[in-house]
Amino acid sequence: MSDPRVIVALDLPDADGALALARRLTPELCRLKVGKELFTAAGPAVVERLARSGFAVFLDLKFHDIPSTVAQACKSAAGLGVWMLDVHALGGREMLAAAREALGSAPERPRLIAVTILTSLGAEELREVGIDDAPGRAASRLAELAQASGVDGVVCSALEASALRRQCGPDFLLVTPGIRSGSGDRNIRLDDQRRVATARAALDGGASYVVIGRPITRSADPLAALRSIHEEIARGAE
């Protein structure tokens, strides 16, 4: 599988655990996400080791700062050999454009995506931070801004993927976290995610990639869980 659409979230507290889990997976079936917890604990070295082992790595640090600082951070991330990295769309047009420009124009450059509305936030939480709008409408406006700023795609809820696919066209990347297993495993909980869906539903709705953590990483057999999700996706494509 040359372009696996499943990104496994290595939301683990140390490099040893993350690397051990990666060895139980395969680059042919998934890409890997390194987020704040693992990066803070293990630093750039773990990203480089995962990339050297053949995995495409999504560096999920959600940069959000003044344009020059974000641009330099993106340059540093690109030097680690990552496949994709993200920034916050709420950083604004100038920050988004600076981040994209920092990555250059080479075909092998990392893809840049912008976080719209976190999947942990509902309408009530948005109102508390001054966004008096439904999550879907807020995500739509931020996706429009990101696309106009030259960004390759956005992180969005699977519930917004269909509308954003129609809005942004076929080539704009939509990366959807908050993905649960379709197997009905009640032992895996996503308590901090409010707007969730299955991988099949997300991809059917227009997502480019789905980010899946606990249904795989907390499984007794992560590779079997990953294969099960691929089977679920394949059934949806029939």
C-alpha atoms as a PDB file:
ATOM      1  CA  MET A   1       0.000   0.000   0.000  1.00  0.00           C
ATOM      2  CA  SER A   2       1.856   3.047  -1.295  1.00  0.00           C
ATOM      3  CA  ASP A   3      -0.284   5.705   0.362  1.00  0.00           C
ATOM      4  CA  PRO A   4      -1.755   4.379   3.622  1.00  0.00           C
ATOM      5  CA  ARG A   5      -4.621   6.555   4.790  1.00  0.00           C
ATOM      6  CA  VAL A   6      -4.405   5.533   8.440  1.00  0.00           C
ATOM      7  CA  ILE A   7      -2.157   7.588  10.737  1.00  0.00           C
ATOM      8  CA  VAL A   8      -1.461   5.903  14.063  1.00  0.00           C
ATOM      9  CA  ALA A   9      -1.122   8.375  16.930  1.00  0.00           C
ATOM     10  CA  LEU A  10       1.898   7.507  19.073  1.00  0.00           C
ATOM     11  CA  ASP A  11       0.553   9.381  22.083  1.00  0.00           C
ATOM     12  CA  LEU A  12       2.974   7.697  24.457  1.00  0.00           C
ATOM     13  CA  PRO A  13       5.144   9.114  27.259  1.00  0.00           C
ATOM     14  CA  ASP A  14       8.593   7.897  26.154  1.00  0.00           C
ATOM     15  CA  ALA A  15      10.686   6.927  23.156  1.00  0.00           C
ATOM     16  CA  ASP A  16      11.149   3.291  24.176  1.00  0.00           C
ATOM     17  CA  GLY A  17       7.415   2.664  24.259  1.00  0.00           C
ATOM     18  CA  ALA A  18       6.827   4.520  21.001  1.00  0.00           C
ATOM     19  CA  LEU A  19       9.597   2.719  19.150  1.00  0.00           C
ATOM     20  CA  ALA A  20       8.492  -0.654  20.516  1.00  0.00           C
ATOM     21  CA  LEU A  21       4.966  -0.008  19.279  1.00  0.00           C
ATOM     22  CA  ALA A  22       6.226   1.136  15.878  1.00  0.00           C
ATOM     23  CA  ARG A  23       8.108  -2.151  15.518  1.00  0.00           C
ATOM     24  CA  ARG A  24       4.771  -3.960  15.888  1.00  0.00           C
ATOM     25  CA  LEU A  25       3.291  -1.988  12.975  1.00  0.00           C
ATOM     26  CA  THR A  26       4.313  -1.634   9.335  1.00  0.00           C
ATOM     27  CA  PRO A  27       4.860   1.393   7.054  1.00  0.00           C
ATOM     28  CA  GLU A  28       2.855  -0.351   4.334  1.00  0.00           C
ATOM     29  CA  LEU A  29      -0.323  -0.049   6.416  1.00  0.00           C
ATOM     30  CA  CYS A  30       0.076   3.197   8.331  1.00  0.00           C
ATOM     31  CA  ARG A  31       1.818   6.469   8.916  1.00  0.00           C
ATOM     32  CA  LEU A  32       2.710   7.651  12.417  1.00  0.00           C
ATOM     33  CA  LYS A  33       1.855  10.773  14.382  1.00  0.00           C
ATOM     34  CA  VAL A  34       4.178  12.245  16.979  1.00  0.00           C
ATOM     35  CA  GLY A  35       2.451  14.758  19.223  1.00  0.00           C
ATOM     36  CA  LYS A  36       3.336  17.027  22.098  1.00  0.00           C
ATOM     37  CA  GLU A  37       3.593  14.355  24.809  1.00  0.00           C
ATOM     38  CA  LEU A  38       6.095  12.159  22.995  1.00  0.00           C
ATOM     39  CA  PHE A  39       8.031  15.040  21.435  1.00  0.00           C
ATOM     40  CA  THR A  40       8.414  16.799  24.788  1.00  0.00           C
ATOM     41  CA  ALA A  41       9.632  13.610  26.436  1.00  0.00           C
ATOM     42  CA  ALA A  42      11.891  12.293  23.687  1.00  0.00           C
ATOM     43  CA  GLY A  43      12.735  15.254  21.471  1.00  0.00           C
ATOM     44  CA  PRO A  44      13.592  15.358  17.769  1.00  0.00           C
ATOM     45  CA  ALA A  45      15.600  12.121  17.934  1.00  0.00           C
ATOM     46  CA  VAL A  46      12.508   9.942  18.136  1.00  0.00           C
ATOM     47  CA  VAL A  47      11.063  11.613  15.039  1.00  0.00           C
ATOM     48  CA  GLU A  48      14.272  10.994  13.107  1.00  0.00           C
ATOM     49  CA  ARG A  49      14.414   7.351  14.227  1.00  0.00           C
ATOM     50  CA  LEU A  50      10.839   6.708  13.145  1.00  0.00           C
ATOM     51  CA  ALA A  51      11.476   8.355   9.784  1.00  0.00           C
ATOM     52  CA  ARG A  52      14.652   6.305   9.260  1.00  0.00           C
ATOM     53  CA  SER A  53      12.702   3.120   9.968  1.00  0.00           C
ATOM     54  CA  GLY A  54      10.550   3.799   6.928  1.00  0.00           C
ATOM     55  CA  PHE A  55       7.491   5.473   8.428  1.00  0.00           C
ATOM     56  CA  ALA A  56       6.007   8.696   7.125  1.00  0.00           C
ATOM     57  CA  VAL A  57       5.792  10.899  10.220  1.00  0.00           C
ATOM     58  CA  PHE A  58       3.165  13.528  10.933  1.00  0.00           C
ATOM     59  CA  LEU A  59       4.636  15.961  13.479  1.00  0.00           C
ATOM     60  CA  ASP A  60       1.604  17.205  15.382  1.00  0.00           C
ATOM     61  CA  LEU A  61       2.862  20.162  17.426  1.00  0.00           C
ATOM     62  CA  LYS A  62       0.200  22.663  16.299  1.00  0.00           C
ATOM     63  CA  PHE A  63       2.503  25.680  16.045  1.00  0.00           C
ATOM     64  CA  HIS A  64       0.738  28.930  16.980  1.00  0.00           C
ATOM     65  CA  ASP A  65       2.882  32.026  17.453  1.00  0.00           C
ATOM     66  CA  ILE A  66       4.026  35.133  15.622  1.00  0.00           C
ATOM     67  CA  PRO A  67       4.746  34.497  11.911  1.00  0.00           C
ATOM     68  CA  SER A  68       8.549  34.560  12.088  1.00  0.00           C
ATOM     69  CA  THR A  69       8.676  32.148  15.028  1.00  0.00           C
ATOM     70  CA  VAL A  70       6.307  29.684  13.356  1.00  0.00           C
ATOM     71  CA  ALA A  71       8.225  29.897  10.080  1.00  0.00           C
ATOM     72  CA  GLN A  72      11.507  29.010  11.794  1.00  0.00           C
ATOM     73  CA  ALA A  73       9.842  26.168  13.696  1.00  0.00           C
ATOM     74  CA  CYS A  74       8.509  24.763  10.427  1.00  0.00           C
ATOM     75  CA  LYS A  75      11.981  24.920   8.872  1.00  0.00           C
ATOM     76  CA  SER A  76      13.406  23.002  11.823  1.00  0.00           C
ATOM     77  CA  ALA A  77      10.640  20.401  11.594  1.00  0.00           C
ATOM     78  CA  ALA A  78      11.301  19.920   7.895  1.00  0.00           C
ATOM     79  CA  GLY A  79      14.917  19.141   8.719  1.00  0.00           C
ATOM     80  CA  LEU A  80      13.772  16.130  10.743  1.00  0.00           C
ATOM     81  CA  GLY A  81      12.478  14.414   7.632  1.00  0.00           C
ATOM     82  CA  VAL A  82       8.789  14.600   8.507  1.00  0.00           C
ATOM     83  CA  TRP A  83       6.074  13.956   5.950  1.00  0.00           C
ATOM     84  CA  MET A  84       3.578  16.386   7.430  1.00  0.00           C
ATOM     85  CA  LEU A  85       3.324  19.035  10.153  1.00  0.00           C
ATOM     86  CA  ASP A  86       0.619  21.320  11.441  1.00  0.00           C
ATOM     87  CA  VAL A  87      -0.078  24.836  12.684  1.00  0.00           C
ATOM     88  CA  HIS A  88      -3.181  26.469  14.155  1.00  0.00           C
ATOM     89  CA  ALA A  89      -5.398  28.201  11.605  1.00  0.00           C
ATOM     90  CA  LEU A  90      -6.322  30.697  14.315  1.00  0.00           C
ATOM     91  CA  GLY A  91      -2.785  32.072  13.985  1.00  0.00           C
ATOM     92  CA  GLY A  92      -4.099  34.069  11.034  1.00  0.00           C
ATOM     93  CA  ARG A  93      -3.317  34.627   7.383  1.00  0.00           C
ATOM     94  CA  GLU A  94       0.186  36.071   7.802  1.00  0.00           C
ATOM     95  CA  MET A  95       1.304  33.242  10.071  1.00  0.00           C
ATOM     96  CA  LEU A  96      -0.140  30.580   7.757  1.00  0.00           C
ATOM     97  CA  ALA A  97       1.527  32.090   4.696  1.00  0.00           C
ATOM     98  CA  ALA A  98       4.875  32.400   6.503  1.00  0.00           C
ATOM     99  CA  ALA A  99       4.728  28.757   7.583  1.00  0.00           C
ATOM    100  CA  ARG A 100       3.975  27.601   4.056  1.00  0.00           C
ATOM    101  CA  GLU A 101       6.709  29.761   2.527  1.00  0.00           C
ATOM    102  CA  ALA A 102       9.241  28.395   5.020  1.00  0.00           C
ATOM    103  CA  LEU A 103       8.777  24.892   3.635  1.00  0.00           C
ATOM    104  CA  GLY A 104       9.786  25.829   0.107  1.00  0.00           C
ATOM    105  CA  SER A 105       8.512  24.419  -3.167  1.00  0.00           C
ATOM    106  CA  ALA A 106      10.404  21.143  -3.607  1.00  0.00           C
ATOM    107  CA  PRO A 107       8.137  18.188  -4.447  1.00  0.00           C
ATOM    108  CA  GLU A 108       9.387  16.254  -1.416  1.00  0.00           C
ATOM    109  CA  ARG A 109       8.743  19.077   1.052  1.00  0.00           C
ATOM    110  CA  PRO A 110       6.566  18.282   4.083  1.00  0.00           C
ATOM    111  CA  ARG A 111       2.858  18.844   3.699  1.00  0.00           C
ATOM    112  CA  LEU A 112       1.495  21.672   5.857  1.00  0.00           C
ATOM    113  CA  ILE A 113      -1.953  21.446   7.392  1.00  0.00           C
ATOM    114  CA  ALA A 114      -3.814  23.828   9.680  1.00  0.00           C
ATOM    115  CA  VAL A 115      -5.898  22.862  12.697  1.00  0.00           C
ATOM    116  CA  THR A 116      -9.424  24.280  12.454  1.00  0.00           C
ATOM    117  CA  ILE A 117     -11.506  23.442  15.546  1.00  0.00           C
ATOM    118  CA  LEU A 118     -10.255  20.811  17.988  1.00  0.00           C
ATOM    119  CA  THR A 119     -12.453  17.716  18.103  1.00  0.00           C
ATOM    120  CA  SER A 120     -12.654  18.111  21.890  1.00  0.00           C
ATOM    121  CA  LEU A 121     -14.605  21.372  21.486  1.00  0.00           C
ATOM    122  CA  GLY A 122     -18.331  21.686  21.041  1.00  0.00           C
ATOM    123  CA  ALA A 123     -20.472  24.801  20.626  1.00  0.00           C
ATOM    124  CA  GLU A 124     -20.512  25.543  24.356  1.00  0.00           C
ATOM    125  CA  GLU A 125     -16.724  25.382  24.655  1.00  0.00           C
ATOM    126  CA  LEU A 126     -16.332  27.628  21.604  1.00  0.00           C
ATOM    127  CA  ARG A 127     -18.591  30.245  23.167  1.00  0.00           C
ATOM    128  CA  GLU A 128     -16.431  30.209  26.280  1.00  0.00           C
ATOM    129  CA  VAL A 129     -13.405  31.247  24.205  1.00  0.00           C
ATOM    130  CA  GLY A 130     -15.278  33.907  22.258  1.00  0.00           C
ATOM    131  CA  ILE A 131     -16.267  31.996  19.096  1.00  0.00           C
ATOM    132  CA  ASP A 132     -20.026  32.384  18.942  1.00  0.00           C
ATOM    133  CA  ASP A 133     -20.645  29.928  16.145  1.00  0.00           C
ATOM    134  CA  ALA A 134     -21.263  26.243  15.536  1.00  0.00           C
ATOM    135  CA  PRO A 135     -18.092  24.121  15.171  1.00  0.00           C
ATOM    136  CA  GLY A 136     -18.874  23.305  11.552  1.00  0.00           C
ATOM    137  CA  ARG A 137     -19.263  26.923  10.469  1.00  0.00           C
ATOM    138  CA  ALA A 138     -16.137  27.958  12.351  1.00  0.00           C
ATOM    139  CA  ALA A 139     -14.184  25.116  10.730  1.00  0.00           C
ATOM    140  CA  SER A 140     -15.454  26.179   7.308  1.00  0.00           C
ATOM    141  CA  ARG A 141     -14.211  29.746   7.724  1.00  0.00           C
ATOM    142  CA  LEU A 142     -10.810  28.602   8.993  1.00  0.00           C
ATOM    143  CA  ALA A 143     -10.440  26.085   6.153  1.00  0.00           C
ATOM    144  CA  GLU A 144     -11.189  28.834   3.649  1.00  0.00           C
ATOM    145  CA  LEU A 145      -8.518  31.018   5.251  1.00  0.00           C
ATOM    146  CA  ALA A 146      -5.976  28.184   5.264  1.00  0.00           C
ATOM    147  CA  GLN A 147      -6.568  27.355   1.615  1.00  0.00           C
ATOM    148  CA  ALA A 148      -6.289  31.010   0.611  1.00  0.00           C
ATOM    149  CA  SER A 149      -2.977  31.188   2.495  1.00  0.00           C
ATOM    150  CA  GLY A 150      -1.449  28.343   0.470  1.00  0.00           C
ATOM    151  CA  VAL A 151      -1.718  25.629   3.116  1.00  0.00           C
ATOM    152  CA  ASP A 152      -2.085  22.053   1.842  1.00  0.00           C
ATOM    153  CA  GLY A 153      -5.024  21.080   4.014  1.00  0.00           C
ATOM    154  CA  VAL A 154      -6.621  21.152   7.432  1.00  0.00           C
ATOM    155  CA  VAL A 155      -7.265  19.060  10.489  1.00  0.00           C
ATOM    156  CA  CYS A 156     -11.009  18.796  11.012  1.00  0.00           C
ATOM    157  CA  SER A 157     -13.634  16.607  12.586  1.00  0.00           C
ATOM    158  CA  ALA A 158     -14.900  13.747  10.448  1.00  0.00           C
ATOM    159  CA  LEU A 159     -18.332  15.315  10.894  1.00  0.00           C
ATOM    160  CA  GLU A 160     -17.149  18.321   8.873  1.00  0.00           C
ATOM    161  CA  ALA A 161     -15.213  16.422   6.205  1.00  0.00           C
ATOM    162  CA  SER A 162     -18.026  16.123   3.669  1.00  0.00           C
ATOM    163  CA  ALA A 163     -18.862  19.831   3.711  1.00  0.00           C
ATOM    164  CA  LEU A 164     -15.199  20.843   3.594  1.00  0.00           C
ATOM    165  CA  ARG A 165     -14.523  18.464   0.704  1.00  0.00           C
ATOM    166  CA  ARG A 166     -17.264  20.157  -1.310  1.00  0.00           C
ATOM    167  CA  GLN A 167     -15.997  23.585  -0.268  1.00  0.00           C
ATOM    168  CA  CYS A 168     -12.268  23.075  -0.814  1.00  0.00           C
ATOM    169  CA  GLY A 169     -12.130  20.660  -3.746  1.00  0.00           C
ATOM    170  CA  PRO A 170     -10.561  17.244  -4.326  1.00  0.00           C
ATOM    171  CA  ASP A 171      -6.885  18.083  -3.769  1.00  0.00           C
ATOM    172  CA  PHE A 172      -7.134  19.816  -0.391  1.00  0.00           C
ATOM    173  CA  LEU A 173      -6.017  17.475   2.409  1.00  0.00           C
ATOM    174  CA  LEU A 174      -8.500  16.717   5.181  1.00  0.00           C
ATOM    175  CA  VAL A 175      -7.009  14.966   8.190  1.00  0.00           C
ATOM    176  CA  THR A 176      -9.537  13.728  10.729  1.00  0.00           C
ATOM    177  CA  PRO A 177      -8.713  12.786  14.329  1.00  0.00           C
ATOM    178  CA  GLY A 178     -11.267  11.519  16.851  1.00  0.00           C
ATOM    179  CA  ILE A 179     -11.584   8.219  15.007  1.00  0.00           C
ATOM    180  CA  ARG A 180     -13.064   5.292  16.881  1.00  0.00           C
ATOM    181  CA  SER A 181     -13.115   1.645  15.913  1.00  0.00           C
ATOM    182  CA  GLY A 182     -16.152   0.293  14.149  1.00  0.00           C
ATOM    183  CA  SER A 183     -15.798  -2.991  16.008  1.00  0.00           C
ATOM    184  CA  GLY A 184     -17.820  -1.755  18.970  1.00  0.00           C
ATOM    185  CA  ASP A 185     -15.034  -2.383  21.479  1.00  0.00           C
ATOM    186  CA  ARG A 186     -16.359  -0.713  24.605  1.00  0.00           C
ATOM    187  CA  ASN A 187     -13.031  -1.088  26.385  1.00  0.00           C
ATOM    188  CA  ILE A 188     -11.564   1.727  24.290  1.00  0.00           C
ATOM    189  CA  ARG A 189     -12.875   5.122  25.364  1.00  0.00           C
ATOM    190  CA  LEU A 190     -12.504   8.519  23.739  1.00  0.00           C
ATOM    191  CA  ASP A 191     -13.673  10.632  26.647  1.00  0.00           C
ATOM    192  CA  ASP A 192     -11.825  13.775  25.542  1.00  0.00           C
ATOM    193  CA  GLN A 193     -13.227  13.662  21.997  1.00  0.00           C
ATOM    194  CA  ARG A 194     -16.703  15.079  21.313  1.00  0.00           C
ATOM    195  CA  ARG A 195     -17.000  14.971  17.522  1.00  0.00           C
ATOM    196  CA  VAL A 196     -15.984  11.441  16.514  1.00  0.00           C
ATOM    197  CA  ALA A 197     -16.671   8.901  13.755  1.00  0.00           C
ATOM    198  CA  THR A 198     -15.413   5.595  12.422  1.00  0.00           C
ATOM    199  CA  ALA A 199     -12.603   5.458   9.876  1.00  0.00           C
ATOM    200  CA  ARG A 200     -14.982   4.192   7.210  1.00  0.00           C
ATOM    201  CA  ALA A 201     -17.448   7.028   7.825  1.00  0.00           C
ATOM    202  CA  ALA A 202     -14.676   9.636   7.793  1.00  0.00           C
ATOM    203  CA  LEU A 203     -13.188   8.438   4.509  1.00  0.00           C
ATOM    204  CA  ASP A 204     -16.598   8.007   2.910  1.00  0.00           C
ATOM    205  CA  GLY A 205     -17.272  11.601   3.939  1.00  0.00           C
ATOM    206  CA  GLY A 206     -14.220  12.943   2.145  1.00  0.00           C
ATOM    207  CA  ALA A 207     -11.314  12.652   4.585  1.00  0.00           C
ATOM    208  CA  SER A 208      -7.867  12.156   3.070  1.00  0.00           C
ATOM    209  CA  TYR A 209      -6.361  10.569   6.188  1.00  0.00           C
ATOM    210  CA  VAL A 210      -7.714   9.355   9.522  1.00  0.00           C
ATOM    211  CA  VAL A 211      -5.786   9.616  12.789  1.00  0.00           C
ATOM    212  CA  ILE A 212      -6.360   6.662  15.102  1.00  0.00           C
ATOM    213  CA  GLY A 213      -4.783   6.253  18.530  1.00  0.00           C
ATOM    214  CA  ARG A 214      -6.217   4.190  21.349  1.00  0.00           C
ATOM    215  CA  PRO A 215      -8.173   1.636  19.260  1.00  0.00           C
ATOM    216  CA  ILE A 216      -4.765   0.549  17.918  1.00  0.00           C
ATOM    217  CA  THR A 217      -2.208   1.560  20.538  1.00  0.00           C
ATOM    218  CA  ARG A 218      -4.143   0.063  23.457  1.00  0.00           C
ATOM    219  CA  SER A 219      -4.948  -3.135  21.637  1.00  0.00           C
ATOM    220  CA  ALA A 220      -3.276  -6.352  22.751  1.00  0.00           C
ATOM    221  CA  ASP A 221      -2.309  -6.841  19.091  1.00  0.00           C
ATOM    222  CA  PRO A 222      -1.831  -3.414  17.443  1.00  0.00           C
ATOM    223  CA  LEU A 223      -1.096  -4.848  13.997  1.00  0.00           C
ATOM    224  CA  ALA A 224      -4.231  -6.988  14.073  1.00  0.00           C
ATOM    225  CA  ALA A 225      -6.263  -3.953  15.143  1.00  0.00           C
ATOM    226  CA  LEU A 226      -4.748  -1.931  12.299  1.00  0.00           C
ATOM    227  CA  ARG A 227      -5.569  -4.666   9.789  1.00  0.00           C
ATOM    228  CA  SER A 228      -9.112  -4.844  11.129  1.00  0.00           C
ATOM    229  CA  ILE A 229      -9.543  -1.119  10.489  1.00  0.00           C
ATOM    230  CA  HIS A 230      -8.231  -1.563   6.942  1.00  0.00           C
ATOM    231  CA  GLU A 231     -10.763  -4.335   6.404  1.00  0.00           C
ATOM    232  CA  GLU A 232     -13.513  -2.019   7.653  1.00  0.00           C
ATOM    233  CA  ILE A 233     -12.336   0.674   5.225  1.00  0.00           C
ATOM    234  CA  ALA A 234     -12.181  -1.810   2.340  1.00  0.00           C
ATOM    235  CA  ARG A 235     -15.754  -2.933   2.979  1.00  0.00           C
ATOM    236  CA  GLY A 236     -16.841   0.666   2.665  1.00  0.00           C
ATOM    237  CA  ALA A 237     -15.132   0.959  -0.725  1.00  0.00           C
ATOM    238  CA  GLU A 238     -16.896  -2.074  -2.192  1.00  0.00           C
END
